[in-house]
Amino acid sequence: MKSIDAEILEVERRLALRKVALAHTASAAKRRAVTRLRSPAMMVGAVALGFLAAGLVRKKKTPAPAPDRRKSARDEGKKKGFALGTLAMTGLTWLIRSQFGGPVGLAQFVLSKLRHSRSPATAVPAGFPTQAPR
């Protein structure tokens, strides 16, 4: 029967041999890849493939039609309406913030008005005092 030290020595030797073989295989693969990539034919092929892919992806440009003068007058009206709408929204936002503190305050105000406008089924009778006397 072998001693434990001899077995450990044998396992360490095999690990070292595999490590050297792995490093040699990796360096050989790297050399082959670099050699193939440096080949002028491969570089020309890669450039041609890039141009081909860009040509397929690019859209064909159609000439722009001449502007219609009647259409531009309608567009001016739309632009003015959009500008006025933008100003109105800005003013409304300012009003909501100054009066209610923001959208949440406005929502609470509207809900309180809705609650007071209807009479719920559990409402307190009109003659009943709501607070205890002091």
C-alpha atoms as a PDB file:
ATOM      1  CA  MET A   1       0.000   0.000   0.000  1.00  0.00           C
ATOM      2  CA  LYS A   2       1.283   3.470  -0.928  1.00  0.00           C
ATOM      3  CA  SER A   3       1.792   6.075   1.692  1.00  0.00           C
ATOM      4  CA  ILE A   4      -0.468   9.131   1.836  1.00  0.00           C
ATOM      5  CA  ASP A   5       2.434  11.482   1.049  1.00  0.00           C
ATOM      6  CA  ALA A   6       3.182   9.628  -2.185  1.00  0.00           C
ATOM      7  CA  GLU A   7      -0.477   9.847  -3.257  1.00  0.00           C
ATOM      8  CA  ILE A   8      -0.592  13.584  -2.528  1.00  0.00           C
ATOM      9  CA  LEU A   9       2.621  14.078  -4.492  1.00  0.00           C
ATOM     10  CA  GLU A  10       1.178  12.173  -7.469  1.00  0.00           C
ATOM     11  CA  VAL A  11      -2.083  14.247  -7.444  1.00  0.00           C
ATOM     12  CA  GLU A  12      -0.112  17.515  -7.260  1.00  0.00           C
ATOM     13  CA  ARG A  13       2.080  16.407 -10.190  1.00  0.00           C
ATOM     14  CA  ARG A  14      -0.990  15.611 -12.336  1.00  0.00           C
ATOM     15  CA  LEU A  15      -2.575  18.972 -11.468  1.00  0.00           C
ATOM     16  CA  ALA A  16       0.620  20.789 -12.482  1.00  0.00           C
ATOM     17  CA  LEU A  17       0.766  18.904 -15.800  1.00  0.00           C
ATOM     18  CA  ARG A  18      -2.887  19.749 -16.578  1.00  0.00           C
ATOM     19  CA  LYS A  19      -2.268  23.390 -15.718  1.00  0.00           C
ATOM     20  CA  VAL A  20       0.673  23.566 -18.134  1.00  0.00           C
ATOM     21  CA  ALA A  21      -1.319  21.774 -20.859  1.00  0.00           C
ATOM     22  CA  LEU A  22      -4.238  24.173 -20.422  1.00  0.00           C
ATOM     23  CA  ALA A  23      -1.963  27.219 -20.686  1.00  0.00           C
ATOM     24  CA  HIS A  24      -0.327  25.779 -23.834  1.00  0.00           C
ATOM     25  CA  THR A  25      -3.729  25.076 -25.468  1.00  0.00           C
ATOM     26  CA  ALA A  26      -4.992  28.589 -24.649  1.00  0.00           C
ATOM     27  CA  SER A  27      -1.907  30.266 -26.120  1.00  0.00           C
ATOM     28  CA  ALA A  28      -2.127  28.127 -29.275  1.00  0.00           C
ATOM     29  CA  ALA A  29      -5.808  29.052 -29.730  1.00  0.00           C
ATOM     30  CA  LYS A  30      -4.947  32.716 -29.276  1.00  0.00           C
ATOM     31  CA  ARG A  31      -2.218  32.542 -31.909  1.00  0.00           C
ATOM     32  CA  ARG A  32      -4.566  30.858 -34.399  1.00  0.00           C
ATOM     33  CA  ALA A  33      -7.296  33.466 -33.829  1.00  0.00           C
ATOM     34  CA  VAL A  34      -4.896  36.387 -34.235  1.00  0.00           C
ATOM     35  CA  THR A  35      -3.448  34.882 -37.400  1.00  0.00           C
ATOM     36  CA  ARG A  36      -6.878  34.447 -38.943  1.00  0.00           C
ATOM     37  CA  LEU A  37      -8.036  37.936 -37.949  1.00  0.00           C
ATOM     38  CA  ARG A  38      -4.929  39.569 -39.353  1.00  0.00           C
ATOM     39  CA  SER A  39      -5.424  37.980 -42.707  1.00  0.00           C
ATOM     40  CA  PRO A  40      -6.000  40.722 -45.320  1.00  0.00           C
ATOM     41  CA  ALA A  41      -8.732  38.726 -46.975  1.00  0.00           C
ATOM     42  CA  MET A  42     -10.617  38.497 -43.669  1.00  0.00           C
ATOM     43  CA  MET A  43     -10.312  42.262 -43.116  1.00  0.00           C
ATOM     44  CA  VAL A  44     -11.595  43.044 -46.610  1.00  0.00           C
ATOM     45  CA  GLY A  45     -14.446  40.592 -46.118  1.00  0.00           C
ATOM     46  CA  ALA A  46     -15.395  42.205 -42.794  1.00  0.00           C
ATOM     47  CA  VAL A  47     -15.422  45.686 -44.367  1.00  0.00           C
ATOM     48  CA  ALA A  48     -17.523  44.482 -47.297  1.00  0.00           C
ATOM     49  CA  LEU A  49     -19.951  42.776 -44.929  1.00  0.00           C
ATOM     50  CA  GLY A  50     -20.263  46.010 -42.919  1.00  0.00           C
ATOM     51  CA  PHE A  51     -21.058  48.068 -46.013  1.00  0.00           C
ATOM     52  CA  LEU A  52     -23.581  45.472 -47.163  1.00  0.00           C
ATOM     53  CA  ALA A  53     -25.338  45.462 -43.781  1.00  0.00           C
ATOM     54  CA  ALA A  54     -25.433  49.286 -43.686  1.00  0.00           C
ATOM     55  CA  GLY A  55     -26.870  49.400 -47.216  1.00  0.00           C
ATOM     56  CA  LEU A  56     -29.649  46.979 -46.313  1.00  0.00           C
ATOM     57  CA  VAL A  57     -30.564  48.847 -43.131  1.00  0.00           C
ATOM     58  CA  ARG A  58     -30.556  52.334 -44.661  1.00  0.00           C
ATOM     59  CA  LYS A  59     -33.930  53.560 -45.924  1.00  0.00           C
ATOM     60  CA  LYS A  60     -34.411  54.962 -49.381  1.00  0.00           C
ATOM     61  CA  LYS A  61     -34.961  58.721 -49.288  1.00  0.00           C
ATOM     62  CA  THR A  62     -37.860  60.089 -51.268  1.00  0.00           C
ATOM     63  CA  PRO A  63     -37.764  63.674 -52.454  1.00  0.00           C
ATOM     64  CA  ALA A  64     -39.786  66.027 -50.268  1.00  0.00           C
ATOM     65  CA  PRO A  65     -42.933  67.380 -51.929  1.00  0.00           C
ATOM     66  CA  ALA A  66     -43.246  71.114 -52.556  1.00  0.00           C
ATOM     67  CA  PRO A  67     -44.898  72.927 -49.641  1.00  0.00           C
ATOM     68  CA  ASP A  68     -48.586  73.779 -50.060  1.00  0.00           C
ATOM     69  CA  ARG A  69     -49.287  77.427 -49.224  1.00  0.00           C
ATOM     70  CA  ARG A  70     -52.869  76.735 -48.171  1.00  0.00           C
ATOM     71  CA  LYS A  71     -51.743  74.053 -45.783  1.00  0.00           C
ATOM     72  CA  SER A  72     -49.177  76.352 -44.169  1.00  0.00           C
ATOM     73  CA  ALA A  73     -51.921  78.897 -43.356  1.00  0.00           C
ATOM     74  CA  ARG A  74     -53.904  76.181 -41.552  1.00  0.00           C
ATOM     75  CA  ASP A  75     -50.771  75.095 -39.710  1.00  0.00           C
ATOM     76  CA  GLU A  76     -50.280  78.641 -38.439  1.00  0.00           C
ATOM     77  CA  GLY A  77     -53.743  78.555 -36.899  1.00  0.00           C
ATOM     78  CA  LYS A  78     -53.002  75.216 -35.271  1.00  0.00           C
ATOM     79  CA  LYS A  79     -49.725  76.542 -33.895  1.00  0.00           C
ATOM     80  CA  LYS A  80     -51.471  79.570 -32.401  1.00  0.00           C
ATOM     81  CA  GLY A  81     -54.136  77.369 -30.822  1.00  0.00           C
ATOM     82  CA  PHE A  82     -51.479  75.101 -29.383  1.00  0.00           C
ATOM     83  CA  ALA A  83     -49.584  78.071 -27.954  1.00  0.00           C
ATOM     84  CA  LEU A  84     -52.769  79.485 -26.374  1.00  0.00           C
ATOM     85  CA  GLY A  85     -53.629  76.081 -24.936  1.00  0.00           C
ATOM     86  CA  THR A  86     -50.177  75.812 -23.441  1.00  0.00           C
ATOM     87  CA  LEU A  87     -50.514  79.238 -21.841  1.00  0.00           C
ATOM     88  CA  ALA A  88     -53.968  78.343 -20.502  1.00  0.00           C
ATOM     89  CA  MET A  89     -52.654  75.137 -18.925  1.00  0.00           C
ATOM     90  CA  THR A  90     -49.781  77.054 -17.344  1.00  0.00           C
ATOM     91  CA  GLY A  91     -52.202  79.587 -15.879  1.00  0.00           C
ATOM     92  CA  LEU A  92     -54.534  76.869 -14.623  1.00  0.00           C
ATOM     93  CA  THR A  93     -51.643  75.042 -12.971  1.00  0.00           C
ATOM     94  CA  TRP A  94     -50.535  78.277 -11.288  1.00  0.00           C
ATOM     95  CA  LEU A  95     -54.104  78.923 -10.053  1.00  0.00           C
ATOM     96  CA  ILE A  96     -54.470  75.403  -8.645  1.00  0.00           C
ATOM     97  CA  ARG A  97     -51.162  75.650  -6.814  1.00  0.00           C
ATOM     98  CA  SER A  98     -51.859  79.104  -5.389  1.00  0.00           C
ATOM     99  CA  GLN A  99     -55.444  78.337  -4.257  1.00  0.00           C
ATOM    100  CA  PHE A 100     -55.254  74.687  -3.214  1.00  0.00           C
ATOM    101  CA  GLY A 101     -51.542  73.922  -2.786  1.00  0.00           C
ATOM    102  CA  GLY A 102     -51.515  71.432  -5.640  1.00  0.00           C
ATOM    103  CA  PRO A 103     -53.618  68.780  -7.352  1.00  0.00           C
ATOM    104  CA  VAL A 104     -54.204  66.841  -4.127  1.00  0.00           C
ATOM    105  CA  GLY A 105     -55.642  69.926  -2.424  1.00  0.00           C
ATOM    106  CA  LEU A 106     -57.965  70.505  -5.391  1.00  0.00           C
ATOM    107  CA  ALA A 107     -59.142  66.889  -5.251  1.00  0.00           C
ATOM    108  CA  GLN A 108     -59.834  67.174  -1.508  1.00  0.00           C
ATOM    109  CA  PHE A 109     -61.769  70.406  -2.083  1.00  0.00           C
ATOM    110  CA  VAL A 110     -63.914  68.826  -4.799  1.00  0.00           C
ATOM    111  CA  LEU A 111     -64.583  65.744  -2.660  1.00  0.00           C
ATOM    112  CA  SER A 112     -65.592  67.883   0.315  1.00  0.00           C
ATOM    113  CA  LYS A 113     -68.038  69.809  -1.903  1.00  0.00           C
ATOM    114  CA  LEU A 114     -69.479  66.552  -3.244  1.00  0.00           C
ATOM    115  CA  ARG A 115     -69.922  65.133   0.253  1.00  0.00           C
ATOM    116  CA  HIS A 116     -71.753  68.247   1.493  1.00  0.00           C
ATOM    117  CA  SER A 117     -74.082  68.398  -1.506  1.00  0.00           C
ATOM    118  CA  ARG A 118     -75.699  65.004  -0.802  1.00  0.00           C
ATOM    119  CA  SER A 119     -77.364  63.972   2.430  1.00  0.00           C
ATOM    120  CA  PRO A 120     -75.944  60.649   3.591  1.00  0.00           C
ATOM    121  CA  ALA A 121     -78.202  58.081   5.268  1.00  0.00           C
ATOM    122  CA  THR A 122     -76.310  58.387   8.564  1.00  0.00           C
ATOM    123  CA  ALA A 123     -76.534  62.175   8.771  1.00  0.00           C
ATOM    124  CA  VAL A 124     -76.958  63.812  12.165  1.00  0.00           C
ATOM    125  CA  PRO A 125     -80.454  65.333  12.709  1.00  0.00           C
ATOM    126  CA  ALA A 126     -80.649  69.124  12.321  1.00  0.00           C
ATOM    127  CA  GLY A 127     -81.517  69.903  15.940  1.00  0.00           C
ATOM    128  CA  PHE A 128     -78.921  67.564  17.458  1.00  0.00           C
ATOM    129  CA  PRO A 129     -75.813  69.342  18.888  1.00  0.00           C
ATOM    130  CA  THR A 130     -72.587  68.144  17.277  1.00  0.00           C
ATOM    131  CA  GLN A 131     -70.285  69.256  20.098  1.00  0.00           C
ATOM    132  CA  ALA A 132     -70.601  68.800  23.855  1.00  0.00           C
ATOM    133  CA  PRO A 133     -71.077  72.054  25.860  1.00  0.00           C
ATOM    134  CA  ARG A 134     -68.025  73.314  27.707  1.00  0.00           C
END
